[in-house]
Amino acid sequence: MSPPTVASTVVGEMSLADAAAYKNVTERTIRYWIDRGIIGATRDGLRKIKVSKADLDALRFPIVPSQYLTDSDRELARKTAEALLPLTEGQRERLSLLLHPGGRSGSR
């Protein structure tokens, strides 16, 4: 067993590589999630990006490109989101963007 990396010993923050390994996705996916506001990130110095472990842990279901979602998938996601309330306004907006691509937002 290899020793933990420096980034993995920091409570609450991970490097892009560690975050990708933690969620079993690519670094490109982590950057996509950051760009879309799905997870938070901060810069450590000029170049290093740190990802919030809490945000990664909050991703409880797989993120799937919306063109592959069926109506029943969308309904399940909506019901799941309602069950996980209370969400912040920002979280509701991000979820709405994921469920309704192209600017369509669900009404509540």
C-alpha atoms as a PDB file:
ATOM      1  CA  MET A   1       0.000   0.000   0.000  1.00  0.00           C
ATOM      2  CA  SER A   2       1.437   3.361  -0.993  1.00  0.00           C
ATOM      3  CA  PRO A   3       1.511   6.295   1.426  1.00  0.00           C
ATOM      4  CA  PRO A   4      -1.229   8.907   1.013  1.00  0.00           C
ATOM      5  CA  THR A   5      -0.460  11.850  -1.222  1.00  0.00           C
ATOM      6  CA  VAL A   6      -0.059  15.289   0.290  1.00  0.00           C
ATOM      7  CA  ALA A   7      -3.320  16.438  -1.279  1.00  0.00           C
ATOM      8  CA  SER A   8      -5.279  13.511   0.140  1.00  0.00           C
ATOM      9  CA  THR A   9      -4.115  14.304   3.678  1.00  0.00           C
ATOM     10  CA  VAL A  10      -5.614  17.800   3.530  1.00  0.00           C
ATOM     11  CA  VAL A  11      -9.036  17.666   5.122  1.00  0.00           C
ATOM     12  CA  GLY A  12     -11.732  18.908   2.802  1.00  0.00           C
ATOM     13  CA  GLU A  13      -9.687  19.567  -0.332  1.00  0.00           C
ATOM     14  CA  MET A  14      -8.266  17.448  -3.141  1.00  0.00           C
ATOM     15  CA  SER A  15      -6.221  17.999  -6.280  1.00  0.00           C
ATOM     16  CA  LEU A  16      -7.902  17.436  -9.645  1.00  0.00           C
ATOM     17  CA  ALA A  17      -6.107  14.094  -9.997  1.00  0.00           C
ATOM     18  CA  ASP A  18      -7.139  12.953  -6.518  1.00  0.00           C
ATOM     19  CA  ALA A  19     -10.729  14.097  -7.101  1.00  0.00           C
ATOM     20  CA  ALA A  20     -10.885  12.226 -10.407  1.00  0.00           C
ATOM     21  CA  ALA A  21      -9.562   9.058  -8.790  1.00  0.00           C
ATOM     22  CA  TYR A  22     -11.947   9.472  -5.850  1.00  0.00           C
ATOM     23  CA  LYS A  23     -15.009   9.633  -8.155  1.00  0.00           C
ATOM     24  CA  ASN A  24     -13.560   7.230 -10.758  1.00  0.00           C
ATOM     25  CA  VAL A  25     -13.819   9.790 -13.562  1.00  0.00           C
ATOM     26  CA  THR A  26     -11.303  11.745 -15.639  1.00  0.00           C
ATOM     27  CA  GLU A  27      -9.748  15.069 -14.679  1.00  0.00           C
ATOM     28  CA  ARG A  28     -11.582  16.508 -17.689  1.00  0.00           C
ATOM     29  CA  THR A  29     -14.894  15.481 -16.075  1.00  0.00           C
ATOM     30  CA  ILE A  30     -13.882  17.182 -12.818  1.00  0.00           C
ATOM     31  CA  ARG A  31     -13.049  20.368 -14.759  1.00  0.00           C
ATOM     32  CA  TYR A  32     -16.419  20.132 -16.549  1.00  0.00           C
ATOM     33  CA  TRP A  33     -18.235  19.847 -13.205  1.00  0.00           C
ATOM     34  CA  ILE A  34     -16.305  22.867 -11.908  1.00  0.00           C
ATOM     35  CA  ASP A  35     -17.060  24.918 -15.045  1.00  0.00           C
ATOM     36  CA  ARG A  36     -20.770  24.075 -14.776  1.00  0.00           C
ATOM     37  CA  GLY A  37     -20.904  24.912 -11.061  1.00  0.00           C
ATOM     38  CA  ILE A  38     -21.733  21.351 -10.057  1.00  0.00           C
ATOM     39  CA  ILE A  39     -18.829  21.271  -7.595  1.00  0.00           C
ATOM     40  CA  GLY A  40     -16.811  24.034  -6.009  1.00  0.00           C
ATOM     41  CA  ALA A  41     -13.087  24.621  -6.411  1.00  0.00           C
ATOM     42  CA  THR A  42     -10.425  27.055  -5.289  1.00  0.00           C
ATOM     43  CA  ARG A  43      -6.974  27.956  -6.551  1.00  0.00           C
ATOM     44  CA  ASP A  44      -3.984  27.149  -4.383  1.00  0.00           C
ATOM     45  CA  GLY A  45      -1.417  29.612  -5.643  1.00  0.00           C
ATOM     46  CA  LEU A  46      -1.261  30.466  -9.321  1.00  0.00           C
ATOM     47  CA  ARG A  47      -1.944  27.096 -10.951  1.00  0.00           C
ATOM     48  CA  LYS A  48      -3.125  24.368  -8.589  1.00  0.00           C
ATOM     49  CA  ILE A  49      -6.868  23.814  -8.365  1.00  0.00           C
ATOM     50  CA  LYS A  50      -8.309  22.282  -5.207  1.00  0.00           C
ATOM     51  CA  VAL A  51     -11.704  20.578  -5.208  1.00  0.00           C
ATOM     52  CA  SER A  52     -14.035  20.399  -2.230  1.00  0.00           C
ATOM     53  CA  LYS A  53     -14.343  16.825  -0.938  1.00  0.00           C
ATOM     54  CA  ALA A  54     -17.747  17.724   0.513  1.00  0.00           C
ATOM     55  CA  ASP A  55     -18.994  18.673  -2.971  1.00  0.00           C
ATOM     56  CA  LEU A  56     -17.714  15.383  -4.372  1.00  0.00           C
ATOM     57  CA  ASP A  57     -19.408  13.460  -1.572  1.00  0.00           C
ATOM     58  CA  ALA A  58     -22.651  15.324  -2.296  1.00  0.00           C
ATOM     59  CA  LEU A  59     -22.778  13.779  -5.785  1.00  0.00           C
ATOM     60  CA  ARG A  60     -24.974  10.852  -4.810  1.00  0.00           C
ATOM     61  CA  PHE A  61     -25.980   9.714  -8.266  1.00  0.00           C
ATOM     62  CA  PRO A  62     -24.049   9.441 -11.521  1.00  0.00           C
ATOM     63  CA  ILE A  63     -23.876  12.530 -13.675  1.00  0.00           C
ATOM     64  CA  VAL A  64     -25.116  11.545 -17.144  1.00  0.00           C
ATOM     65  CA  PRO A  65     -25.255  13.806 -20.213  1.00  0.00           C
ATOM     66  CA  SER A  66     -28.830  15.034 -20.427  1.00  0.00           C
ATOM     67  CA  GLN A  67     -29.368  13.773 -23.979  1.00  0.00           C
ATOM     68  CA  TYR A  68     -29.249  10.222 -22.566  1.00  0.00           C
ATOM     69  CA  LEU A  69     -31.897  10.810 -19.893  1.00  0.00           C
ATOM     70  CA  THR A  70     -35.379   9.453 -20.437  1.00  0.00           C
ATOM     71  CA  ASP A  71     -38.487  11.159 -19.084  1.00  0.00           C
ATOM     72  CA  SER A  72     -38.618   8.610 -16.265  1.00  0.00           C
ATOM     73  CA  ASP A  73     -34.953   9.383 -15.435  1.00  0.00           C
ATOM     74  CA  ARG A  74     -35.792  13.083 -15.234  1.00  0.00           C
ATOM     75  CA  GLU A  75     -38.797  12.380 -13.013  1.00  0.00           C
ATOM     76  CA  LEU A  76     -36.696  10.201 -10.718  1.00  0.00           C
ATOM     77  CA  ALA A  77     -34.027  12.921 -10.531  1.00  0.00           C
ATOM     78  CA  ARG A  78     -36.689  15.536  -9.714  1.00  0.00           C
ATOM     79  CA  LYS A  79     -38.158  13.384  -6.940  1.00  0.00           C
ATOM     80  CA  THR A  80     -34.691  12.620  -5.589  1.00  0.00           C
ATOM     81  CA  ALA A  81     -33.824  16.314  -5.554  1.00  0.00           C
ATOM     82  CA  GLU A  82     -37.022  17.141  -3.700  1.00  0.00           C
ATOM     83  CA  ALA A  83     -36.260  14.425  -1.137  1.00  0.00           C
ATOM     84  CA  LEU A  84     -32.805  15.913  -0.535  1.00  0.00           C
ATOM     85  CA  LEU A  85     -34.139  19.388   0.163  1.00  0.00           C
ATOM     86  CA  PRO A  86     -33.427  21.909   1.460  1.00  0.00           C
ATOM     87  CA  LEU A  87     -31.214  22.999  -1.389  1.00  0.00           C
ATOM     88  CA  THR A  88     -29.721  26.442  -1.733  1.00  0.00           C
ATOM     89  CA  GLU A  89     -30.926  28.612  -4.599  1.00  0.00           C
ATOM     90  CA  GLY A  90     -27.615  28.025  -6.416  1.00  0.00           C
ATOM     91  CA  GLN A  91     -27.947  24.262  -6.043  1.00  0.00           C
ATOM     92  CA  ARG A  92     -31.514  24.391  -7.398  1.00  0.00           C
ATOM     93  CA  GLU A  93     -30.315  26.412 -10.404  1.00  0.00           C
ATOM     94  CA  ARG A  94     -27.482  23.952 -11.133  1.00  0.00           C
ATOM     95  CA  LEU A  95     -29.852  21.005 -10.821  1.00  0.00           C
ATOM     96  CA  SER A  96     -32.336  22.706 -13.113  1.00  0.00           C
ATOM     97  CA  LEU A  97     -29.613  23.258 -15.717  1.00  0.00           C
ATOM     98  CA  LEU A  98     -28.670  19.584 -15.546  1.00  0.00           C
ATOM     99  CA  LEU A  99     -32.251  18.398 -15.881  1.00  0.00           C
ATOM    100  CA  HIS A 100     -33.329  20.945 -18.481  1.00  0.00           C
ATOM    101  CA  PRO A 101     -30.567  21.591 -21.030  1.00  0.00           C
ATOM    102  CA  GLY A 102     -30.816  24.562 -23.327  1.00  0.00           C
ATOM    103  CA  GLY A 103     -32.169  26.953 -20.721  1.00  0.00           C
ATOM    104  CA  ARG A 104     -35.486  25.260 -19.994  1.00  0.00           C
ATOM    105  CA  SER A 105     -36.070  25.341 -16.287  1.00  0.00           C
ATOM    106  CA  GLY A 106     -38.613  23.491 -14.271  1.00  0.00           C
ATOM    107  CA  SER A 107     -41.217  25.500 -12.428  1.00  0.00           C
ATOM    108  CA  ARG A 108     -41.896  24.988  -8.737  1.00  0.00           C
END
